[in-house]
Amino acid sequence: SVIGRWADAKAPDQMPLDAVRRLEEDC
């Protein structure tokens, strides 16, 4: 549900910087 809100253009949720760092490192 958290990941879905990050991907949903209408949800106000933003990724925390740690998640950004980890995912960008992965791909």
PDB file of all heavy atoms in Angstrom:
ATOM      1  N   SER A   1       0.830  -1.212   0.000  1.00  0.00           N
ATOM      2  CA  SER A   1       0.000   0.000   0.000  1.00  0.00           C
ATOM      3  C   SER A   1       0.866   1.265   0.000  1.00  0.00           C
ATOM      4  O   SER A   1       0.542   2.249  -0.669  1.00  0.00           O
ATOM      5  CB  SER A   1      -0.969   0.002   1.175  1.00  0.00           C
ATOM      6  OG  SER A   1      -0.269  -0.019   2.400  1.00  0.00           O
ATOM      7  N   VAL A   2       1.970   1.250   0.721  1.00  0.00           N
ATOM      8  CA  VAL A   2       2.880   2.402   0.739  1.00  0.00           C
ATOM      9  C   VAL A   2       3.488   2.598  -0.651  1.00  0.00           C
ATOM     10  O   VAL A   2       3.511   3.713  -1.185  1.00  0.00           O
ATOM     11  CB  VAL A   2       3.989   2.222   1.802  1.00  0.00           C
ATOM     12  CG1 VAL A   2       5.118   3.227   1.603  1.00  0.00           C
ATOM     13  CG2 VAL A   2       3.414   2.342   3.190  1.00  0.00           C
ATOM     14  N   ILE A   3       3.958   1.532  -1.258  1.00  0.00           N
ATOM     15  CA  ILE A   3       4.554   1.611  -2.593  1.00  0.00           C
ATOM     16  C   ILE A   3       3.508   2.077  -3.599  1.00  0.00           C
ATOM     17  O   ILE A   3       3.800   2.900  -4.468  1.00  0.00           O
ATOM     18  CB  ILE A   3       5.145   0.250  -3.007  1.00  0.00           C
ATOM     19  CG1 ILE A   3       6.230  -0.174  -2.022  1.00  0.00           C
ATOM     20  CG2 ILE A   3       5.691   0.317  -4.431  1.00  0.00           C
ATOM     21  CD1 ILE A   3       6.616  -1.628  -2.116  1.00  0.00           C
ATOM     22  N   GLY A   4       2.299   1.575  -3.467  1.00  0.00           N
ATOM     23  CA  GLY A   4       1.219   1.999  -4.349  1.00  0.00           C
ATOM     24  C   GLY A   4       0.935   3.491  -4.230  1.00  0.00           C
ATOM     25  O   GLY A   4       0.699   4.168  -5.235  1.00  0.00           O
ATOM     26  N   ARG A   5       0.981   4.020  -3.011  1.00  0.00           N
ATOM     27  CA  ARG A   5       0.770   5.466  -2.829  1.00  0.00           C
ATOM     28  C   ARG A   5       1.929   6.271  -3.407  1.00  0.00           C
ATOM     29  O   ARG A   5       1.722   7.354  -3.948  1.00  0.00           O
ATOM     30  CB  ARG A   5       0.550   5.793  -1.349  1.00  0.00           C
ATOM     31  CG  ARG A   5      -0.809   5.340  -0.841  1.00  0.00           C
ATOM     32  CD  ARG A   5      -1.138   5.922   0.524  1.00  0.00           C
ATOM     33  NE  ARG A   5      -0.150   5.633   1.546  1.00  0.00           N
ATOM     34  CZ  ARG A   5      -0.152   4.559   2.341  1.00  0.00           C
ATOM     35  NH1 ARG A   5      -1.121   3.664   2.231  1.00  0.00           N
ATOM     36  NH2 ARG A   5       0.774   4.382   3.255  1.00  0.00           N
ATOM     37  N   TRP A   6       3.149   5.740  -3.314  1.00  0.00           N
ATOM     38  CA  TRP A   6       4.279   6.430  -3.928  1.00  0.00           C
ATOM     39  C   TRP A   6       4.087   6.534  -5.446  1.00  0.00           C
ATOM     40  O   TRP A   6       4.433   7.532  -6.050  1.00  0.00           O
ATOM     41  CB  TRP A   6       5.590   5.691  -3.674  1.00  0.00           C
ATOM     42  CG  TRP A   6       6.078   5.713  -2.262  1.00  0.00           C
ATOM     43  CD1 TRP A   6       5.710   6.561  -1.251  1.00  0.00           C
ATOM     44  CD2 TRP A   6       7.049   4.837  -1.690  1.00  0.00           C
ATOM     45  NE1 TRP A   6       6.389   6.266  -0.105  1.00  0.00           N
ATOM     46  CE2 TRP A   6       7.221   5.214  -0.342  1.00  0.00           C
ATOM     47  CE3 TRP A   6       7.787   3.767  -2.184  1.00  0.00           C
ATOM     48  CZ2 TRP A   6       8.115   4.565   0.507  1.00  0.00           C
ATOM     49  CZ3 TRP A   6       8.669   3.121  -1.347  1.00  0.00           C
ATOM     50  CH2 TRP A   6       8.833   3.520  -0.008  1.00  0.00           C
ATOM     51  N   ALA A   7       3.533   5.490  -6.035  1.00  0.00           N
ATOM     52  CA  ALA A   7       3.369   5.444  -7.492  1.00  0.00           C
ATOM     53  C   ALA A   7       2.103   6.158  -7.968  1.00  0.00           C
ATOM     54  O   ALA A   7       2.000   6.490  -9.147  1.00  0.00           O
ATOM     55  CB  ALA A   7       3.349   3.991  -7.953  1.00  0.00           C
ATOM     56  N   ASP A   8       1.155   6.393  -7.080  1.00  0.00           N
ATOM     57  CA  ASP A   8      -0.125   7.014  -7.447  1.00  0.00           C
ATOM     58  C   ASP A   8       0.038   8.529  -7.582  1.00  0.00           C
ATOM     59  O   ASP A   8       0.380   9.211  -6.621  1.00  0.00           O
ATOM     60  CB  ASP A   8      -1.169   6.684  -6.384  1.00  0.00           C
ATOM     61  CG  ASP A   8      -2.547   7.218  -6.706  1.00  0.00           C
ATOM     62  OD1 ASP A   8      -2.724   7.869  -7.756  1.00  0.00           O
ATOM     63  OD2 ASP A   8      -3.465   6.983  -5.903  1.00  0.00           O
ATOM     64  N   ALA A   9      -0.252   9.043  -8.769  1.00  0.00           N
ATOM     65  CA  ALA A   9      -0.089  10.477  -9.038  1.00  0.00           C
ATOM     66  C   ALA A   9      -1.003  11.336  -8.175  1.00  0.00           C
ATOM     67  O   ALA A   9      -0.703  12.503  -7.926  1.00  0.00           O
ATOM     68  CB  ALA A   9      -0.352  10.758 -10.513  1.00  0.00           C
ATOM     69  N   LYS A  10      -2.097  10.780  -7.695  1.00  0.00           N
ATOM     70  CA  LYS A  10      -3.048  11.571  -6.914  1.00  0.00           C
ATOM     71  C   LYS A  10      -2.816  11.488  -5.407  1.00  0.00           C
ATOM     72  O   LYS A  10      -3.388  12.260  -4.653  1.00  0.00           O
ATOM     73  CB  LYS A  10      -4.469  11.131  -7.244  1.00  0.00           C
ATOM     74  CG  LYS A  10      -4.821  11.429  -8.690  1.00  0.00           C
ATOM     75  CD  LYS A  10      -6.187  10.952  -9.038  1.00  0.00           C
ATOM     76  CE  LYS A  10      -6.443  11.232 -10.514  1.00  0.00           C
ATOM     77  NZ  LYS A  10      -7.604  10.576 -11.012  1.00  0.00           N
ATOM     78  N   ALA A  11      -1.975  10.564  -4.985  1.00  0.00           N
ATOM     79  CA  ALA A  11      -1.686  10.429  -3.554  1.00  0.00           C
ATOM     80  C   ALA A  11      -0.578  11.412  -3.170  1.00  0.00           C
ATOM     81  O   ALA A  11       0.381  11.597  -3.920  1.00  0.00           O
ATOM     82  CB  ALA A  11      -1.249   9.006  -3.233  1.00  0.00           C
ATOM     83  N   PRO A  12      -0.676  12.048  -2.010  1.00  0.00           N
ATOM     84  CA  PRO A  12       0.331  13.038  -1.623  1.00  0.00           C
ATOM     85  C   PRO A  12       1.633  12.430  -1.088  1.00  0.00           C
ATOM     86  O   PRO A  12       2.588  13.164  -0.827  1.00  0.00           O
ATOM     87  CB  PRO A  12      -0.379  13.834  -0.521  1.00  0.00           C
ATOM     88  CG  PRO A  12      -1.327  12.862   0.082  1.00  0.00           C
ATOM     89  CD  PRO A  12      -1.779  11.978  -1.059  1.00  0.00           C
ATOM     90  N   ASP A  13       1.689  11.115  -0.958  1.00  0.00           N
ATOM     91  CA  ASP A  13       2.851  10.459  -0.352  1.00  0.00           C
ATOM     92  C   ASP A  13       4.097  10.596  -1.220  1.00  0.00           C
ATOM     93  O   ASP A  13       4.050  10.371  -2.428  1.00  0.00           O
ATOM     94  CB  ASP A  13       2.568   8.975  -0.126  1.00  0.00           C
ATOM     95  CG  ASP A  13       1.365   8.756   0.760  1.00  0.00           C
ATOM     96  OD1 ASP A  13       0.266   9.165   0.344  1.00  0.00           O
ATOM     97  OD2 ASP A  13       1.522   8.198   1.843  1.00  0.00           O
ATOM     98  N   GLN A  14       5.210  10.926  -0.580  1.00  0.00           N
ATOM     99  CA  GLN A  14       6.501  10.999  -1.245  1.00  0.00           C
ATOM    100  C   GLN A  14       7.437   9.985  -0.613  1.00  0.00           C
ATOM    101  O   GLN A  14       7.345   9.695   0.572  1.00  0.00           O
ATOM    102  CB  GLN A  14       7.085  12.395  -1.109  1.00  0.00           C
ATOM    103  CG  GLN A  14       6.246  13.449  -1.783  1.00  0.00           C
ATOM    104  CD  GLN A  14       6.826  14.834  -1.568  1.00  0.00           C
ATOM    105  OE1 GLN A  14       8.010  14.987  -1.322  1.00  0.00           O
ATOM    106  NE2 GLN A  14       5.983  15.834  -1.664  1.00  0.00           N
ATOM    107  N   MET A  15       8.344   9.457  -1.419  1.00  0.00           N
ATOM    108  CA  MET A  15       9.304   8.486  -0.909  1.00  0.00           C
ATOM    109  C   MET A  15      10.253   9.162   0.067  1.00  0.00           C
ATOM    110  O   MET A  15      10.722  10.274  -0.206  1.00  0.00           O
ATOM    111  CB  MET A  15      10.152   7.932  -2.053  1.00  0.00           C
ATOM    112  CG  MET A  15       9.478   6.980  -2.958  1.00  0.00           C
ATOM    113  SD  MET A  15      10.700   6.436  -4.195  1.00  0.00           S
ATOM    114  CE  MET A  15       9.746   5.167  -4.978  1.00  0.00           C
ATOM    115  N   PRO A  16      10.580   8.492   1.169  1.00  0.00           N
ATOM    116  CA  PRO A  16      11.643   9.019   2.028  1.00  0.00           C
ATOM    117  C   PRO A  16      12.984   8.887   1.292  1.00  0.00           C
ATOM    118  O   PRO A  16      13.138   8.052   0.402  1.00  0.00           O
ATOM    119  CB  PRO A  16      11.587   8.127   3.265  1.00  0.00           C
ATOM    120  CG  PRO A  16      10.847   6.912   2.862  1.00  0.00           C
ATOM    121  CD  PRO A  16       9.979   7.276   1.695  1.00  0.00           C
ATOM    122  N   LEU A  17      13.927   9.727   1.646  1.00  0.00           N
ATOM    123  CA  LEU A  17      15.213   9.728   0.949  1.00  0.00           C
ATOM    124  C   LEU A  17      15.915   8.380   1.007  1.00  0.00           C
ATOM    125  O   LEU A  17      16.589   7.979   0.057  1.00  0.00           O
ATOM    126  CB  LEU A  17      16.121  10.821   1.517  1.00  0.00           C
ATOM    127  CG  LEU A  17      15.699  12.243   1.161  1.00  0.00           C
ATOM    128  CD1 LEU A  17      16.628  13.249   1.821  1.00  0.00           C
ATOM    129  CD2 LEU A  17      15.663  12.451  -0.334  1.00  0.00           C
ATOM    130  N   ASP A  18      15.772   7.658   2.108  1.00  0.00           N
ATOM    131  CA  ASP A  18      16.413   6.350   2.201  1.00  0.00           C
ATOM    132  C   ASP A  18      15.837   5.393   1.158  1.00  0.00           C
ATOM    133  O   ASP A  18      16.578   4.631   0.541  1.00  0.00           O
ATOM    134  CB  ASP A  18      16.257   5.764   3.610  1.00  0.00           C
ATOM    135  CG  ASP A  18      17.025   4.478   3.760  1.00  0.00           C
ATOM    136  OD1 ASP A  18      18.253   4.497   3.495  1.00  0.00           O
ATOM    137  OD2 ASP A  18      16.411   3.450   4.105  1.00  0.00           O
ATOM    138  N   ALA A  19      14.536   5.449   0.938  1.00  0.00           N
ATOM    139  CA  ALA A  19      13.915   4.592  -0.081  1.00  0.00           C
ATOM    140  C   ALA A  19      14.396   4.991  -1.469  1.00  0.00           C
ATOM    141  O   ALA A  19      14.717   4.133  -2.301  1.00  0.00           O
ATOM    142  CB  ALA A  19      12.393   4.685  -0.002  1.00  0.00           C
ATOM    143  N   VAL A  20      14.485   6.296  -1.715  1.00  0.00           N
ATOM    144  CA  VAL A  20      14.984   6.780  -3.009  1.00  0.00           C
ATOM    145  C   VAL A  20      16.391   6.256  -3.243  1.00  0.00           C
ATOM    146  O   VAL A  20      16.712   5.708  -4.299  1.00  0.00           O
ATOM    147  CB  VAL A  20      14.964   8.324  -3.067  1.00  0.00           C
ATOM    148  CG1 VAL A  20      15.706   8.832  -4.297  1.00  0.00           C
ATOM    149  CG2 VAL A  20      13.545   8.850  -3.047  1.00  0.00           C
ATOM    150  N   ARG A  21      17.244   6.419  -2.251  1.00  0.00           N
ATOM    151  CA  ARG A  21      18.629   5.971  -2.380  1.00  0.00           C
ATOM    152  C   ARG A  21      18.721   4.477  -2.655  1.00  0.00           C
ATOM    153  O   ARG A  21      19.442   4.038  -3.556  1.00  0.00           O
ATOM    154  CB  ARG A  21      19.412   6.306  -1.097  1.00  0.00           C
ATOM    155  CG  ARG A  21      20.890   5.945  -1.185  1.00  0.00           C
ATOM    156  CD  ARG A  21      21.571   6.039   0.170  1.00  0.00           C
ATOM    157  NE  ARG A  21      20.951   5.208   1.188  1.00  0.00           N
ATOM    158  CZ  ARG A  21      21.148   3.880   1.300  1.00  0.00           C
ATOM    159  NH1 ARG A  21      21.908   3.242   0.450  1.00  0.00           N
ATOM    160  NH2 ARG A  21      20.560   3.198   2.261  1.00  0.00           N
ATOM    161  N   ARG A  22      17.971   3.690  -1.903  1.00  0.00           N
ATOM    162  CA  ARG A  22      18.041   2.236  -2.050  1.00  0.00           C
ATOM    163  C   ARG A  22      17.523   1.779  -3.407  1.00  0.00           C
ATOM    164  O   ARG A  22      18.135   0.931  -4.063  1.00  0.00           O
ATOM    165  CB  ARG A  22      17.259   1.558  -0.929  1.00  0.00           C
ATOM    166  CG  ARG A  22      17.921   1.734   0.428  1.00  0.00           C
ATOM    167  CD  ARG A  22      17.078   1.211   1.552  1.00  0.00           C
ATOM    168  NE  ARG A  22      17.006  -0.240   1.486  1.00  0.00           N
ATOM    169  CZ  ARG A  22      16.092  -0.972   2.117  1.00  0.00           C
ATOM    170  NH1 ARG A  22      15.190  -0.387   2.879  1.00  0.00           N
ATOM    171  NH2 ARG A  22      16.096  -2.280   2.025  1.00  0.00           N
ATOM    172  N   LEU A  23      16.407   2.350  -3.858  1.00  0.00           N
ATOM    173  CA  LEU A  23      15.841   1.940  -5.136  1.00  0.00           C
ATOM    174  C   LEU A  23      16.690   2.421  -6.307  1.00  0.00           C
ATOM    175  O   LEU A  23      16.894   1.688  -7.283  1.00  0.00           O
ATOM    176  CB  LEU A  23      14.396   2.420  -5.277  1.00  0.00           C
ATOM    177  CG  LEU A  23      13.339   1.453  -4.750  1.00  0.00           C
ATOM    178  CD1 LEU A  23      13.448   1.247  -3.251  1.00  0.00           C
ATOM    179  CD2 LEU A  23      11.946   1.947  -5.102  1.00  0.00           C
ATOM    180  N   GLU A  24      17.199   3.658  -6.231  1.00  0.00           N
ATOM    181  CA  GLU A  24      18.063   4.142  -7.310  1.00  0.00           C
ATOM    182  C   GLU A  24      19.349   3.332  -7.382  1.00  0.00           C
ATOM    183  O   GLU A  24      19.861   3.068  -8.471  1.00  0.00           O
ATOM    184  CB  GLU A  24      18.370   5.626  -7.125  1.00  0.00           C
ATOM    185  CG  GLU A  24      17.189   6.512  -7.452  1.00  0.00           C
ATOM    186  CD  GLU A  24      17.482   7.992  -7.351  1.00  0.00           C
ATOM    187  OE1 GLU A  24      18.516   8.381  -6.780  1.00  0.00           O
ATOM    188  OE2 GLU A  24      16.653   8.769  -7.857  1.00  0.00           O
ATOM    189  N   GLU A  25      19.862   2.918  -6.250  1.00  0.00           N
ATOM    190  CA  GLU A  25      21.047   2.062  -6.237  1.00  0.00           C
ATOM    191  C   GLU A  25      20.745   0.711  -6.877  1.00  0.00           C
ATOM    192  O   GLU A  25      21.568   0.156  -7.596  1.00  0.00           O
ATOM    193  CB  GLU A  25      21.519   1.868  -4.797  1.00  0.00           C
ATOM    194  CG  GLU A  25      22.818   1.123  -4.666  1.00  0.00           C
ATOM    195  CD  GLU A  25      23.257   1.018  -3.212  1.00  0.00           C
ATOM    196  OE1 GLU A  25      23.295   2.058  -2.533  1.00  0.00           O
ATOM    197  OE2 GLU A  25      23.535  -0.110  -2.763  1.00  0.00           O
ATOM    198  N   ASP A  26      19.544   0.200  -6.654  1.00  0.00           N
ATOM    199  CA  ASP A  26      19.151  -1.096  -7.199  1.00  0.00           C
ATOM    200  C   ASP A  26      19.078  -1.066  -8.721  1.00  0.00           C
ATOM    201  O   ASP A  26      19.567  -1.979  -9.380  1.00  0.00           O
ATOM    202  CB  ASP A  26      17.796  -1.515  -6.618  1.00  0.00           C
ATOM    203  CG  ASP A  26      17.368  -2.896  -7.082  1.00  0.00           C
ATOM    204  OD1 ASP A  26      18.089  -3.871  -6.780  1.00  0.00           O
ATOM    205  OD2 ASP A  26      16.325  -3.000  -7.758  1.00  0.00           O
ATOM    206  N   CYS A  27      18.468  -0.027  -9.285  1.00  0.00           N
ATOM    207  CA  CYS A  27      18.311   0.013 -10.744  1.00  0.00           C
ATOM    208  C   CYS A  27      19.394   0.844 -11.424  1.00  0.00           C
ATOM    209  O   CYS A  27      19.492   0.860 -12.648  1.00  0.00           O
ATOM    210  CB  CYS A  27      16.930   0.531 -11.128  1.00  0.00           C
ATOM    211  SG  CYS A  27      16.688   2.289 -10.836  1.00  0.00           S
TER     212      CYS A  27
END
